[in-house]
Amino acid sequence: MTRDGPAGLSRAQRADLDAHIRREIERVVSRVTALEARFDDIVAAAGQDVPDDEHDPEGATIAYERAQVDALLTRARRHAADLGRARERLGETTCLLCGRRIAFDRLMARPTTRHCVDCAATGH
């Protein structure tokens, strides 16, 4: 197998990781689209003449639902951006803290990671 250097991934590993990240980006973009639609529905419902949900003991308020969906949407968008950056740095597989190689299996499990297992575990 051809390697990109002592700390790099093989071409096959890079291709597998790239494909994995692309699939994850597609999944997250679909989630963003669904959350945006949900957010729009909540905003539209708030504009309609609805009963006083602020005092409804049986359910969450519209404001609460909107805030919850907004937080999920922000998190999903951030994750999509993180995945995009991870894809751009496929060849950079060294830990930012100790400089050791980040294992391929870790990158497949957490493609956005910038730390090896040891540094992540110790909070280095």
PDB file of N, CA and C in Angstrom:
ATOM      1  N   MET A   1       0.823  -1.178   0.000  1.00  0.00           N
ATOM      2  CA  MET A   1       0.000   0.000   0.000  1.00  0.00           C
ATOM      3  C   MET A   1       0.869   1.244   0.000  1.00  0.00           C
ATOM      4  N   THR A   2       0.450   2.221  -0.719  1.00  0.00           N
ATOM      5  CA  THR A   2       1.164   3.489  -0.749  1.00  0.00           C
ATOM      6  C   THR A   2       0.720   4.328   0.433  1.00  0.00           C
ATOM      7  N   ARG A   3       1.692   4.904   1.113  1.00  0.00           N
ATOM      8  CA  ARG A   3       1.395   5.741   2.281  1.00  0.00           C
ATOM      9  C   ARG A   3       1.795   7.172   1.987  1.00  0.00           C
ATOM     10  N   ASP A   4       1.210   8.094   2.717  1.00  0.00           N
ATOM     11  CA  ASP A   4       1.531   9.507   2.577  1.00  0.00           C
ATOM     12  C   ASP A   4       2.657   9.919   3.511  1.00  0.00           C
ATOM     13  N   GLY A   5       3.347   9.009   4.077  1.00  0.00           N
ATOM     14  CA  GLY A   5       4.388   9.305   5.044  1.00  0.00           C
ATOM     15  C   GLY A   5       4.138   8.494   6.300  1.00  0.00           C
ATOM     16  N   PRO A   6       5.030   8.588   7.286  1.00  0.00           N
ATOM     17  CA  PRO A   6       4.916   7.749   8.470  1.00  0.00           C
ATOM     18  C   PRO A   6       3.632   7.991   9.267  1.00  0.00           C
ATOM     19  N   ALA A   7       3.093   9.190   9.236  1.00  0.00           N
ATOM     20  CA  ALA A   7       1.888   9.478  10.011  1.00  0.00           C
ATOM     21  C   ALA A   7       0.637   9.481   9.151  1.00  0.00           C
ATOM     22  N   GLY A   8       0.766   9.178   7.866  1.00  0.00           N
ATOM     23  CA  GLY A   8      -0.372   9.301   6.961  1.00  0.00           C
ATOM     24  C   GLY A   8      -1.187   8.040   6.825  1.00  0.00           C
ATOM     25  N   LEU A   9      -2.284   8.181   6.108  1.00  0.00           N
ATOM     26  CA  LEU A   9      -3.148   7.058   5.801  1.00  0.00           C
ATOM     27  C   LEU A   9      -2.801   6.536   4.423  1.00  0.00           C
ATOM     28  N   SER A  10      -3.104   5.279   4.197  1.00  0.00           N
ATOM     29  CA  SER A  10      -2.926   4.726   2.861  1.00  0.00           C
ATOM     30  C   SER A  10      -3.955   5.357   1.930  1.00  0.00           C
ATOM     31  N   ARG A  11      -3.737   5.212   0.647  1.00  0.00           N
ATOM     32  CA  ARG A  11      -4.714   5.737  -0.322  1.00  0.00           C
ATOM     33  C   ARG A  11      -6.084   5.110  -0.113  1.00  0.00           C
ATOM     34  N   ALA A  12      -6.101   3.822   0.139  1.00  0.00           N
ATOM     35  CA  ALA A  12      -7.375   3.124   0.357  1.00  0.00           C
ATOM     36  C   ALA A  12      -8.068   3.653   1.614  1.00  0.00           C
ATOM     37  N   GLN A  13      -7.312   3.871   2.669  1.00  0.00           N
ATOM     38  CA  GLN A  13      -7.896   4.408   3.890  1.00  0.00           C
ATOM     39  C   GLN A  13      -8.436   5.824   3.672  1.00  0.00           C
ATOM     40  N   ARG A  14      -7.673   6.628   2.952  1.00  0.00           N
ATOM     41  CA  ARG A  14      -8.140   7.994   2.660  1.00  0.00           C
ATOM     42  C   ARG A  14      -9.434   7.949   1.856  1.00  0.00           C
ATOM     43  N   ALA A  15      -9.497   7.061   0.874  1.00  0.00           N
ATOM     44  CA  ALA A  15     -10.712   6.933   0.060  1.00  0.00           C
ATOM     45  C   ALA A  15     -11.892   6.476   0.920  1.00  0.00           C
ATOM     46  N   ASP A  16     -11.656   5.505   1.806  1.00  0.00           N
ATOM     47  CA  ASP A  16     -12.721   5.031   2.698  1.00  0.00           C
ATOM     48  C   ASP A  16     -13.183   6.139   3.636  1.00  0.00           C
ATOM     49  N   LEU A  17     -12.242   6.868   4.202  1.00  0.00           N
ATOM     50  CA  LEU A  17     -12.584   7.951   5.118  1.00  0.00           C
ATOM     51  C   LEU A  17     -13.336   9.066   4.388  1.00  0.00           C
ATOM     52  N   ASP A  18     -12.878   9.399   3.188  1.00  0.00           N
ATOM     53  CA  ASP A  18     -13.548  10.430   2.390  1.00  0.00           C
ATOM     54  C   ASP A  18     -14.990  10.022   2.089  1.00  0.00           C
ATOM     55  N   ALA A  19     -15.197   8.789   1.680  1.00  0.00           N
ATOM     56  CA  ALA A  19     -16.547   8.298   1.382  1.00  0.00           C
ATOM     57  C   ALA A  19     -17.414   8.317   2.645  1.00  0.00           C
ATOM     58  N   HIS A  20     -16.825   7.923   3.749  1.00  0.00           N
ATOM     59  CA  HIS A  20     -17.557   7.918   5.025  1.00  0.00           C
ATOM     60  C   HIS A  20     -17.982   9.333   5.403  1.00  0.00           C
ATOM     61  N   ILE A  21     -17.077  10.288   5.278  1.00  0.00           N
ATOM     62  CA  ILE A  21     -17.391  11.678   5.613  1.00  0.00           C
ATOM     63  C   ILE A  21     -18.459  12.231   4.671  1.00  0.00           C
ATOM     64  N   ARG A  22     -18.349  11.926   3.377  1.00  0.00           N
ATOM     65  CA  ARG A  22     -19.360  12.391   2.423  1.00  0.00           C
ATOM     66  C   ARG A  22     -20.750  11.861   2.778  1.00  0.00           C
ATOM     67  N   ARG A  23     -20.825  10.588   3.169  1.00  0.00           N
ATOM     68  CA  ARG A  23     -22.117  10.011   3.580  1.00  0.00           C
ATOM     69  C   ARG A  23     -22.638  10.701   4.843  1.00  0.00           C
ATOM     70  N   GLU A  24     -21.745  10.972   5.769  1.00  0.00           N
ATOM     71  CA  GLU A  24     -22.143  11.637   7.004  1.00  0.00           C
ATOM     72  C   GLU A  24     -22.629  13.060   6.720  1.00  0.00           C
ATOM     73  N   ILE A  25     -21.955  13.757   5.816  1.00  0.00           N
ATOM     74  CA  ILE A  25     -22.396  15.104   5.437  1.00  0.00           C
ATOM     75  C   ILE A  25     -23.795  15.040   4.827  1.00  0.00           C
ATOM     76  N   GLU A  26     -24.048  14.082   3.956  1.00  0.00           N
ATOM     77  CA  GLU A  26     -25.378  13.929   3.353  1.00  0.00           C
ATOM     78  C   GLU A  26     -26.436  13.688   4.427  1.00  0.00           C
ATOM     79  N   ARG A  27     -26.106  12.861   5.406  1.00  0.00           N
ATOM     80  CA  ARG A  27     -27.041  12.562   6.491  1.00  0.00           C
ATOM     81  C   ARG A  27     -27.330  13.825   7.306  1.00  0.00           C
ATOM     82  N   VAL A  28     -26.285  14.586   7.610  1.00  0.00           N
ATOM     83  CA  VAL A  28     -26.461  15.793   8.420  1.00  0.00           C
ATOM     84  C   VAL A  28     -27.214  16.870   7.636  1.00  0.00           C
ATOM     85  N   VAL A  29     -26.938  16.998   6.351  1.00  0.00           N
ATOM     86  CA  VAL A  29     -27.653  17.979   5.525  1.00  0.00           C
ATOM     87  C   VAL A  29     -29.146  17.624   5.473  1.00  0.00           C
ATOM     88  N   SER A  30     -29.469  16.350   5.395  1.00  0.00           N
ATOM     89  CA  SER A  30     -30.875  15.931   5.424  1.00  0.00           C
ATOM     90  C   SER A  30     -31.512  16.305   6.761  1.00  0.00           C
ATOM     91  N   ARG A  31     -30.761  16.127   7.829  1.00  0.00           N
ATOM     92  CA  ARG A  31     -31.257  16.503   9.160  1.00  0.00           C
ATOM     93  C   ARG A  31     -31.487  18.011   9.238  1.00  0.00           C
ATOM     94  N   VAL A  32     -30.548  18.791   8.709  1.00  0.00           N
ATOM     95  CA  VAL A  32     -30.699  20.253   8.695  1.00  0.00           C
ATOM     96  C   VAL A  32     -31.964  20.644   7.941  1.00  0.00           C
ATOM     97  N   THR A  33     -32.184  20.037   6.789  1.00  0.00           N
ATOM     98  CA  THR A  33     -33.366  20.334   5.985  1.00  0.00           C
ATOM     99  C   THR A  33     -34.641  20.030   6.768  1.00  0.00           C
ATOM    100  N   ALA A  34     -34.676  18.893   7.446  1.00  0.00           N
ATOM    101  CA  ALA A  34     -35.848  18.522   8.234  1.00  0.00           C
ATOM    102  C   ALA A  34     -36.052  19.483   9.403  1.00  0.00           C
ATOM    103  N   LEU A  35     -34.973  19.857  10.064  1.00  0.00           N
ATOM    104  CA  LEU A  35     -35.078  20.786  11.191  1.00  0.00           C
ATOM    105  C   LEU A  35     -35.520  22.177  10.731  1.00  0.00           C
ATOM    106  N   GLU A  36     -35.033  22.618   9.567  1.00  0.00           N
ATOM    107  CA  GLU A  36     -35.466  23.906   9.030  1.00  0.00           C
ATOM    108  C   GLU A  36     -36.969  23.894   8.745  1.00  0.00           C
ATOM    109  N   ALA A  37     -37.459  22.801   8.199  1.00  0.00           N
ATOM    110  CA  ALA A  37     -38.893  22.682   7.924  1.00  0.00           C
ATOM    111  C   ALA A  37     -39.684  22.697   9.228  1.00  0.00           C
ATOM    112  N   ARG A  38     -39.186  21.986  10.230  1.00  0.00           N
ATOM    113  CA  ARG A  38     -39.853  21.963  11.541  1.00  0.00           C
ATOM    114  C   ARG A  38     -39.868  23.361  12.150  1.00  0.00           C
ATOM    115  N   PHE A  39     -38.747  24.063  12.066  1.00  0.00           N
ATOM    116  CA  PHE A  39     -38.649  25.422  12.599  1.00  0.00           C
ATOM    117  C   PHE A  39     -39.658  26.333  11.902  1.00  0.00           C
ATOM    118  N   ASP A  40     -39.711  26.234  10.579  1.00  0.00           N
ATOM    119  CA  ASP A  40     -40.667  27.051   9.809  1.00  0.00           C
ATOM    120  C   ASP A  40     -42.101  26.746  10.221  1.00  0.00           C
ATOM    121  N   ASP A  41     -42.401  25.465  10.469  1.00  0.00           N
ATOM    122  CA  ASP A  41     -43.746  25.086  10.913  1.00  0.00           C
ATOM    123  C   ASP A  41     -44.078  25.706  12.271  1.00  0.00           C
ATOM    124  N   ILE A  42     -43.110  25.711  13.164  1.00  0.00           N
ATOM    125  CA  ILE A  42     -43.326  26.281  14.498  1.00  0.00           C
ATOM    126  C   ILE A  42     -43.562  27.781  14.400  1.00  0.00           C
ATOM    127  N   VAL A  43     -42.751  28.451  13.588  1.00  0.00           N
ATOM    128  CA  VAL A  43     -42.923  29.899  13.403  1.00  0.00           C
ATOM    129  C   VAL A  43     -44.292  30.196  12.806  1.00  0.00           C
ATOM    130  N   ALA A  44     -44.692  29.406  11.819  1.00  0.00           N
ATOM    131  CA  ALA A  44     -46.004  29.615  11.198  1.00  0.00           C
ATOM    132  C   ALA A  44     -47.119  29.391  12.213  1.00  0.00           C
ATOM    133  N   ALA A  45     -46.975  28.363  13.049  1.00  0.00           N
ATOM    134  CA  ALA A  45     -47.996  28.081  14.061  1.00  0.00           C
ATOM    135  C   ALA A  45     -48.076  29.210  15.078  1.00  0.00           C
ATOM    136  N   ALA A  46     -46.948  29.816  15.387  1.00  0.00           N
ATOM    137  CA  ALA A  46     -46.945  30.916  16.355  1.00  0.00           C
ATOM    138  C   ALA A  46     -47.671  32.133  15.805  1.00  0.00           C
ATOM    139  N   GLY A  47     -47.671  32.279  14.489  1.00  0.00           N
ATOM    140  CA  GLY A  47     -48.333  33.416  13.868  1.00  0.00           C
ATOM    141  C   GLY A  47     -49.832  33.239  13.729  1.00  0.00           C
ATOM    142  N   GLN A  48     -50.300  32.031  13.901  1.00  0.00           N
ATOM    143  CA  GLN A  48     -51.735  31.768  13.784  1.00  0.00           C
ATOM    144  C   GLN A  48     -52.429  32.091  15.102  1.00  0.00           C
ATOM    145  N   ASP A  49     -53.727  32.207  15.047  1.00  0.00           N
ATOM    146  CA  ASP A  49     -54.499  32.456  16.261  1.00  0.00           C
ATOM    147  C   ASP A  49     -54.643  31.134  16.997  1.00  0.00           C
ATOM    148  N   VAL A  50     -53.734  30.900  17.927  1.00  0.00           N
ATOM    149  CA  VAL A  50     -53.741  29.645  18.687  1.00  0.00           C
ATOM    150  C   VAL A  50     -54.106  29.945  20.137  1.00  0.00           C
ATOM    151  N   PRO A  51     -54.573  28.935  20.853  1.00  0.00           N
ATOM    152  CA  PRO A  51     -54.873  29.132  22.264  1.00  0.00           C
ATOM    153  C   PRO A  51     -53.606  29.547  23.026  1.00  0.00           C
ATOM    154  N   ASP A  52     -53.787  30.003  24.212  1.00  0.00           N
ATOM    155  CA  ASP A  52     -52.680  30.456  25.058  1.00  0.00           C
ATOM    156  C   ASP A  52     -51.836  29.261  25.482  1.00  0.00           C
ATOM    157  N   ASP A  53     -50.840  28.922  24.689  1.00  0.00           N
ATOM    158  CA  ASP A  53     -50.009  27.753  24.992  1.00  0.00           C
ATOM    159  C   ASP A  53     -49.012  28.037  26.109  1.00  0.00           C
ATOM    160  N   GLU A  54     -48.805  29.300  26.446  1.00  0.00           N
ATOM    161  CA  GLU A  54     -47.856  29.645  27.498  1.00  0.00           C
ATOM    162  C   GLU A  54     -48.319  29.128  28.862  1.00  0.00           C
ATOM    163  N   HIS A  55     -49.603  28.860  28.972  1.00  0.00           N
ATOM    164  CA  HIS A  55     -50.131  28.399  30.250  1.00  0.00           C
ATOM    165  C   HIS A  55     -50.752  27.011  30.139  1.00  0.00           C
ATOM    166  N   ASP A  56     -50.440  26.305  29.086  1.00  0.00           N
ATOM    167  CA  ASP A  56     -50.966  24.958  28.874  1.00  0.00           C
ATOM    168  C   ASP A  56     -50.160  23.978  29.719  1.00  0.00           C
ATOM    169  N   PRO A  57     -50.733  23.385  30.750  1.00  0.00           N
ATOM    170  CA  PRO A  57     -49.975  22.488  31.624  1.00  0.00           C
ATOM    171  C   PRO A  57     -49.637  21.146  30.972  1.00  0.00           C
ATOM    172  N   GLU A  58     -50.220  20.865  29.812  1.00  0.00           N
ATOM    173  CA  GLU A  58     -50.004  19.563  29.202  1.00  0.00           C
ATOM    174  C   GLU A  58     -48.943  19.542  28.117  1.00  0.00           C
ATOM    175  N   GLY A  59     -48.338  20.652  27.799  1.00  0.00           N
ATOM    176  CA  GLY A  59     -47.373  20.619  26.703  1.00  0.00           C
ATOM    177  C   GLY A  59     -46.358  21.739  26.784  1.00  0.00           C
ATOM    178  N   ALA A  60     -45.373  21.613  25.937  1.00  0.00           N
ATOM    179  CA  ALA A  60     -44.329  22.633  25.859  1.00  0.00           C
ATOM    180  C   ALA A  60     -44.873  23.863  25.146  1.00  0.00           C
ATOM    181  N   THR A  61     -44.321  24.994  25.468  1.00  0.00           N
ATOM    182  CA  THR A  61     -44.747  26.218  24.798  1.00  0.00           C
ATOM    183  C   THR A  61     -44.158  26.261  23.399  1.00  0.00           C
ATOM    184  N   ILE A  62     -44.774  27.066  22.551  1.00  0.00           N
ATOM    185  CA  ILE A  62     -44.251  27.239  21.192  1.00  0.00           C
ATOM    186  C   ILE A  62     -42.855  27.836  21.255  1.00  0.00           C
ATOM    187  N   ALA A  63     -42.656  28.778  22.174  1.00  0.00           N
ATOM    188  CA  ALA A  63     -41.329  29.396  22.312  1.00  0.00           C
ATOM    189  C   ALA A  63     -40.282  28.361  22.701  1.00  0.00           C
ATOM    190  N   TYR A  64     -40.657  27.454  23.603  1.00  0.00           N
ATOM    191  CA  TYR A  64     -39.732  26.395  24.011  1.00  0.00           C
ATOM    192  C   TYR A  64     -39.404  25.488  22.830  1.00  0.00           C
ATOM    193  N   GLU A  65     -40.421  25.079  22.099  1.00  0.00           N
ATOM    194  CA  GLU A  65     -40.192  24.214  20.932  1.00  0.00           C
ATOM    195  C   GLU A  65     -39.303  24.894  19.903  1.00  0.00           C
ATOM    196  N   ARG A  66     -39.573  26.169  19.655  1.00  0.00           N
ATOM    197  CA  ARG A  66     -38.772  26.921  18.693  1.00  0.00           C
ATOM    198  C   ARG A  66     -37.318  26.998  19.156  1.00  0.00           C
ATOM    199  N   ALA A  67     -37.092  27.257  20.424  1.00  0.00           N
ATOM    200  CA  ALA A  67     -35.726  27.333  20.963  1.00  0.00           C
ATOM    201  C   ALA A  67     -35.038  25.980  20.878  1.00  0.00           C
ATOM    202  N   GLN A  68     -35.771  24.927  21.165  1.00  0.00           N
ATOM    203  CA  GLN A  68     -35.199  23.579  21.102  1.00  0.00           C
ATOM    204  C   GLN A  68     -34.792  23.218  19.673  1.00  0.00           C
ATOM    205  N   VAL A  69     -35.668  23.460  18.721  1.00  0.00           N
ATOM    206  CA  VAL A  69     -35.359  23.154  17.323  1.00  0.00           C
ATOM    207  C   VAL A  69     -34.221  24.041  16.822  1.00  0.00           C
ATOM    208  N   ASP A  70     -34.220  25.303  17.241  1.00  0.00           N
ATOM    209  CA  ASP A  70     -33.137  26.210  16.851  1.00  0.00           C
ATOM    210  C   ASP A  70     -31.790  25.701  17.366  1.00  0.00           C
ATOM    211  N   ALA A  71     -31.752  25.213  18.596  1.00  0.00           N
ATOM    212  CA  ALA A  71     -30.506  24.678  19.158  1.00  0.00           C
ATOM    213  C   ALA A  71     -30.057  23.432  18.391  1.00  0.00           C
ATOM    214  N   LEU A  72     -30.989  22.551  18.073  1.00  0.00           N
ATOM    215  CA  LEU A  72     -30.652  21.355  17.293  1.00  0.00           C
ATOM    216  C   LEU A  72     -30.157  21.733  15.902  1.00  0.00           C
ATOM    217  N   LEU A  73     -30.777  22.726  15.308  1.00  0.00           N
ATOM    218  CA  LEU A  73     -30.398  23.194  13.979  1.00  0.00           C
ATOM    219  C   LEU A  73     -28.997  23.799  14.004  1.00  0.00           C
ATOM    220  N   THR A  74     -28.707  24.606  15.002  1.00  0.00           N
ATOM    221  CA  THR A  74     -27.374  25.194  15.141  1.00  0.00           C
ATOM    222  C   THR A  74     -26.323  24.106  15.290  1.00  0.00           C
ATOM    223  N   ARG A  75     -26.616  23.120  16.110  1.00  0.00           N
ATOM    224  CA  ARG A  75     -25.676  22.010  16.330  1.00  0.00           C
ATOM    225  C   ARG A  75     -25.452  21.208  15.047  1.00  0.00           C
ATOM    226  N   ALA A  76     -26.512  20.926  14.305  1.00  0.00           N
ATOM    227  CA  ALA A  76     -26.400  20.164  13.059  1.00  0.00           C
ATOM    228  C   ALA A  76     -25.598  20.937  12.017  1.00  0.00           C
ATOM    229  N   ARG A  77     -25.849  22.239  11.918  1.00  0.00           N
ATOM    230  CA  ARG A  77     -25.083  23.054  10.963  1.00  0.00           C
ATOM    231  C   ARG A  77     -23.607  23.089  11.335  1.00  0.00           C
ATOM    232  N   ARG A  78     -23.313  23.205  12.616  1.00  0.00           N
ATOM    233  CA  ARG A  78     -21.920  23.206  13.075  1.00  0.00           C
ATOM    234  C   ARG A  78     -21.253  21.864  12.753  1.00  0.00           C
ATOM    235  N   HIS A  79     -21.989  20.785  12.959  1.00  0.00           N
ATOM    236  CA  HIS A  79     -21.435  19.454  12.672  1.00  0.00           C
ATOM    237  C   HIS A  79     -21.158  19.301  11.172  1.00  0.00           C
ATOM    238  N   ALA A  80     -22.045  19.793  10.335  1.00  0.00           N
ATOM    239  CA  ALA A  80     -21.826  19.736   8.885  1.00  0.00           C
ATOM    240  C   ALA A  80     -20.573  20.518   8.508  1.00  0.00           C
ATOM    241  N   ALA A  81     -20.390  21.692   9.109  1.00  0.00           N
ATOM    242  CA  ALA A  81     -19.188  22.489   8.837  1.00  0.00           C
ATOM    243  C   ALA A  81     -17.936  21.770   9.328  1.00  0.00           C
ATOM    244  N   ASP A  82     -18.013  21.153  10.504  1.00  0.00           N
ATOM    245  CA  ASP A  82     -16.873  20.398  11.038  1.00  0.00           C
ATOM    246  C   ASP A  82     -16.512  19.230  10.121  1.00  0.00           C
ATOM    247  N   LEU A  83     -17.526  18.566   9.591  1.00  0.00           N
ATOM    248  CA  LEU A  83     -17.278  17.461   8.662  1.00  0.00           C
ATOM    249  C   LEU A  83     -16.633  17.962   7.375  1.00  0.00           C
ATOM    250  N   GLY A  84     -17.065  19.100   6.897  1.00  0.00           N
ATOM    251  CA  GLY A  84     -16.451  19.683   5.707  1.00  0.00           C
ATOM    252  C   GLY A  84     -14.976  19.979   5.936  1.00  0.00           C
ATOM    253  N   ARG A  85     -14.650  20.539   7.106  1.00  0.00           N
ATOM    254  CA  ARG A  85     -13.244  20.806   7.428  1.00  0.00           C
ATOM    255  C   ARG A  85     -12.460  19.506   7.572  1.00  0.00           C
ATOM    256  N   ALA A  86     -13.072  18.483   8.141  1.00  0.00           N
ATOM    257  CA  ALA A  86     -12.406  17.186   8.282  1.00  0.00           C
ATOM    258  C   ALA A  86     -12.084  16.606   6.907  1.00  0.00           C
ATOM    259  N   ARG A  87     -12.985  16.785   5.987  1.00  0.00           N
ATOM    260  CA  ARG A  87     -12.756  16.283   4.627  1.00  0.00           C
ATOM    261  C   ARG A  87     -11.605  17.020   3.958  1.00  0.00           C
ATOM    262  N   GLU A  88     -11.485  18.315   4.222  1.00  0.00           N
ATOM    263  CA  GLU A  88     -10.397  19.108   3.650  1.00  0.00           C
ATOM    264  C   GLU A  88      -9.029  18.693   4.184  1.00  0.00           C
ATOM    265  N   ARG A  89      -8.991  18.156   5.377  1.00  0.00           N
ATOM    266  CA  ARG A  89      -7.702  17.801   5.983  1.00  0.00           C
ATOM    267  C   ARG A  89      -7.483  16.286   6.082  1.00  0.00           C
ATOM    268  N   LEU A  90      -7.975  15.553   5.109  1.00  0.00           N
ATOM    269  CA  LEU A  90      -7.832  14.095   5.131  1.00  0.00           C
ATOM    270  C   LEU A  90      -6.381  13.639   5.317  1.00  0.00           C
ATOM    271  N   GLY A  91      -5.453  14.375   4.800  1.00  0.00           N
ATOM    272  CA  GLY A  91      -4.049  13.986   4.912  1.00  0.00           C
ATOM    273  C   GLY A  91      -3.413  14.336   6.240  1.00  0.00           C
ATOM    274  N   GLU A  92      -4.088  15.136   7.042  1.00  0.00           N
ATOM    275  CA  GLU A  92      -3.565  15.545   8.342  1.00  0.00           C
ATOM    276  C   GLU A  92      -4.103  14.617   9.417  1.00  0.00           C
ATOM    277  N   THR A  93      -3.320  13.632   9.776  1.00  0.00           N
ATOM    278  CA  THR A  93      -3.804  12.616  10.705  1.00  0.00           C
ATOM    279  C   THR A  93      -3.003  12.578  11.999  1.00  0.00           C
ATOM    280  N   THR A  94      -2.365  13.670  12.341  1.00  0.00           N
ATOM    281  CA  THR A  94      -1.617  13.685  13.594  1.00  0.00           C
ATOM    282  C   THR A  94      -2.380  14.458  14.661  1.00  0.00           C
ATOM    283  N   CYS A  95      -2.234  14.019  15.882  1.00  0.00           N
ATOM    284  CA  CYS A  95      -2.890  14.629  17.032  1.00  0.00           C
ATOM    285  C   CYS A  95      -2.338  16.036  17.242  1.00  0.00           C
ATOM    286  N   LEU A  96      -3.225  16.985  17.455  1.00  0.00           N
ATOM    287  CA  LEU A  96      -2.805  18.368  17.680  1.00  0.00           C
ATOM    288  C   LEU A  96      -2.060  18.536  18.999  1.00  0.00           C
ATOM    289  N   LEU A  97      -2.263  17.634  19.943  1.00  0.00           N
ATOM    290  CA  LEU A  97      -1.649  17.783  21.256  1.00  0.00           C
ATOM    291  C   LEU A  97      -0.298  17.087  21.376  1.00  0.00           C
ATOM    292  N   CYS A  98      -0.219  15.840  20.906  1.00  0.00           N
ATOM    293  CA  CYS A  98       1.025  15.083  21.104  1.00  0.00           C
ATOM    294  C   CYS A  98       1.790  14.815  19.817  1.00  0.00           C
ATOM    295  N   GLY A  99       1.154  15.018  18.669  1.00  0.00           N
ATOM    296  CA  GLY A  99       1.828  14.804  17.394  1.00  0.00           C
ATOM    297  C   GLY A  99       1.845  13.368  16.912  1.00  0.00           C
ATOM    298  N   ARG A 100       1.280  12.452  17.685  1.00  0.00           N
ATOM    299  CA  ARG A 100       1.216  11.060  17.239  1.00  0.00           C
ATOM    300  C   ARG A 100       0.078  10.876  16.244  1.00  0.00           C
ATOM    301  N   ARG A 101       0.162   9.775  15.510  1.00  0.00           N
ATOM    302  CA  ARG A 101      -0.852   9.469  14.505  1.00  0.00           C
ATOM    303  C   ARG A 101      -2.194   9.166  15.166  1.00  0.00           C
ATOM    304  N   ILE A 102      -3.250   9.702  14.575  1.00  0.00           N
ATOM    305  CA  ILE A 102      -4.606   9.352  14.995  1.00  0.00           C
ATOM    306  C   ILE A 102      -4.977   8.083  14.227  1.00  0.00           C
ATOM    307  N   ALA A 103      -5.371   7.058  14.944  1.00  0.00           N
ATOM    308  CA  ALA A 103      -5.674   5.766  14.338  1.00  0.00           C
ATOM    309  C   ALA A 103      -6.821   5.882  13.334  1.00  0.00           C
ATOM    310  N   PHE A 104      -6.699   5.132  12.255  1.00  0.00           N
ATOM    311  CA  PHE A 104      -7.722   5.120  11.205  1.00  0.00           C
ATOM    312  C   PHE A 104      -9.095   4.776  11.780  1.00  0.00           C
ATOM    313  N   ASP A 105      -9.156   3.776  12.659  1.00  0.00           N
ATOM    314  CA  ASP A 105     -10.438   3.377  13.251  1.00  0.00           C
ATOM    315  C   ASP A 105     -11.069   4.535  14.034  1.00  0.00           C
ATOM    316  N   ARG A 106     -10.245   5.317  14.708  1.00  0.00           N
ATOM    317  CA  ARG A 106     -10.769   6.483  15.438  1.00  0.00           C
ATOM    318  C   ARG A 106     -11.308   7.521  14.460  1.00  0.00           C
ATOM    319  N   LEU A 107     -10.586   7.747  13.377  1.00  0.00           N
ATOM    320  CA  LEU A 107     -11.041   8.708  12.372  1.00  0.00           C
ATOM    321  C   LEU A 107     -12.356   8.258  11.731  1.00  0.00           C
ATOM    322  N   MET A 108     -12.513   6.967  11.535  1.00  0.00           N
ATOM    323  CA  MET A 108     -13.773   6.466  10.973  1.00  0.00           C
ATOM    324  C   MET A 108     -14.913   6.648  11.976  1.00  0.00           C
ATOM    325  N   ALA A 109     -14.612   6.465  13.262  1.00  0.00           N
ATOM    326  CA  ALA A 109     -15.646   6.616  14.287  1.00  0.00           C
ATOM    327  C   ALA A 109     -15.956   8.084  14.571  1.00  0.00           C
ATOM    328  N   ARG A 110     -14.924   8.913  14.528  1.00  0.00           N
ATOM    329  CA  ARG A 110     -15.069  10.349  14.828  1.00  0.00           C
ATOM    330  C   ARG A 110     -14.276  11.142  13.805  1.00  0.00           C
ATOM    331  N   PRO A 111     -14.801  11.297  12.612  1.00  0.00           N
ATOM    332  CA  PRO A 111     -14.019  11.928  11.544  1.00  0.00           C
ATOM    333  C   PRO A 111     -13.621  13.374  11.823  1.00  0.00           C
ATOM    334  N   THR A 112     -14.285  14.037  12.750  1.00  0.00           N
ATOM    335  CA  THR A 112     -13.950  15.431  13.041  1.00  0.00           C
ATOM    336  C   THR A 112     -12.894  15.575  14.129  1.00  0.00           C
ATOM    337  N   THR A 113     -12.454  14.462  14.702  1.00  0.00           N
ATOM    338  CA  THR A 113     -11.499  14.538  15.811  1.00  0.00           C
ATOM    339  C   THR A 113     -10.162  15.115  15.366  1.00  0.00           C
ATOM    340  N   ARG A 114      -9.501  15.773  16.267  1.00  0.00           N
ATOM    341  CA  ARG A 114      -8.161  16.301  16.028  1.00  0.00           C
ATOM    342  C   ARG A 114      -7.181  15.742  17.059  1.00  0.00           C
ATOM    343  N   HIS A 115      -7.662  14.766  17.868  1.00  0.00           N
ATOM    344  CA  HIS A 115      -6.846  14.218  18.947  1.00  0.00           C
ATOM    345  C   HIS A 115      -6.842  12.692  18.923  1.00  0.00           C
ATOM    346  N   CYS A 116      -5.705  12.127  19.313  1.00  0.00           N
ATOM    347  CA  CYS A 116      -5.614  10.667  19.426  1.00  0.00           C
ATOM    348  C   CYS A 116      -6.423  10.214  20.635  1.00  0.00           C
ATOM    349  N   VAL A 117      -6.610   8.918  20.753  1.00  0.00           N
ATOM    350  CA  VAL A 117      -7.414   8.357  21.850  1.00  0.00           C
ATOM    351  C   VAL A 117      -6.812   8.726  23.193  1.00  0.00           C
ATOM    352  N   ASP A 118      -5.503   8.586  23.346  1.00  0.00           N
ATOM    353  CA  ASP A 118      -4.865   8.872  24.627  1.00  0.00           C
ATOM    354  C   ASP A 118      -5.080  10.315  25.061  1.00  0.00           C
ATOM    355  N   CYS A 119      -4.865  11.268  24.167  1.00  0.00           N
ATOM    356  CA  CYS A 119      -5.039  12.678  24.533  1.00  0.00           C
ATOM    357  C   CYS A 119      -6.505  13.003  24.802  1.00  0.00           C
ATOM    358  N   ALA A 120      -7.403  12.390  24.040  1.00  0.00           N
ATOM    359  CA  ALA A 120      -8.828  12.628  24.254  1.00  0.00           C
ATOM    360  C   ALA A 120      -9.257  12.078  25.615  1.00  0.00           C
ATOM    361  N   ALA A 121      -8.714  10.933  25.994  1.00  0.00           N
ATOM    362  CA  ALA A 121      -9.082  10.289  27.265  1.00  0.00           C
ATOM    363  C   ALA A 121      -8.558  11.057  28.466  1.00  0.00           C
ATOM    364  N   THR A 122      -7.374  11.629  28.335  1.00  0.00           N
ATOM    365  CA  THR A 122      -6.769  12.323  29.477  1.00  0.00           C
ATOM    366  C   THR A 122      -7.143  13.781  29.540  1.00  0.00           C
ATOM    367  N   GLY A 123      -7.764  14.304  28.489  1.00  0.00           N
ATOM    368  CA  GLY A 123      -8.084  15.718  28.444  1.00  0.00           C
ATOM    369  C   GLY A 123      -6.826  16.560  28.359  1.00  0.00           C
ATOM    370  N   HIS A 124      -5.788  15.971  27.916  1.00  0.00           N
ATOM    371  CA  HIS A 124      -4.422  16.488  27.746  1.00  0.00           C
ATOM    372  C   HIS A 124      -4.334  17.945  27.519  1.00  0.00           C
TER     373      HIS A 124
END
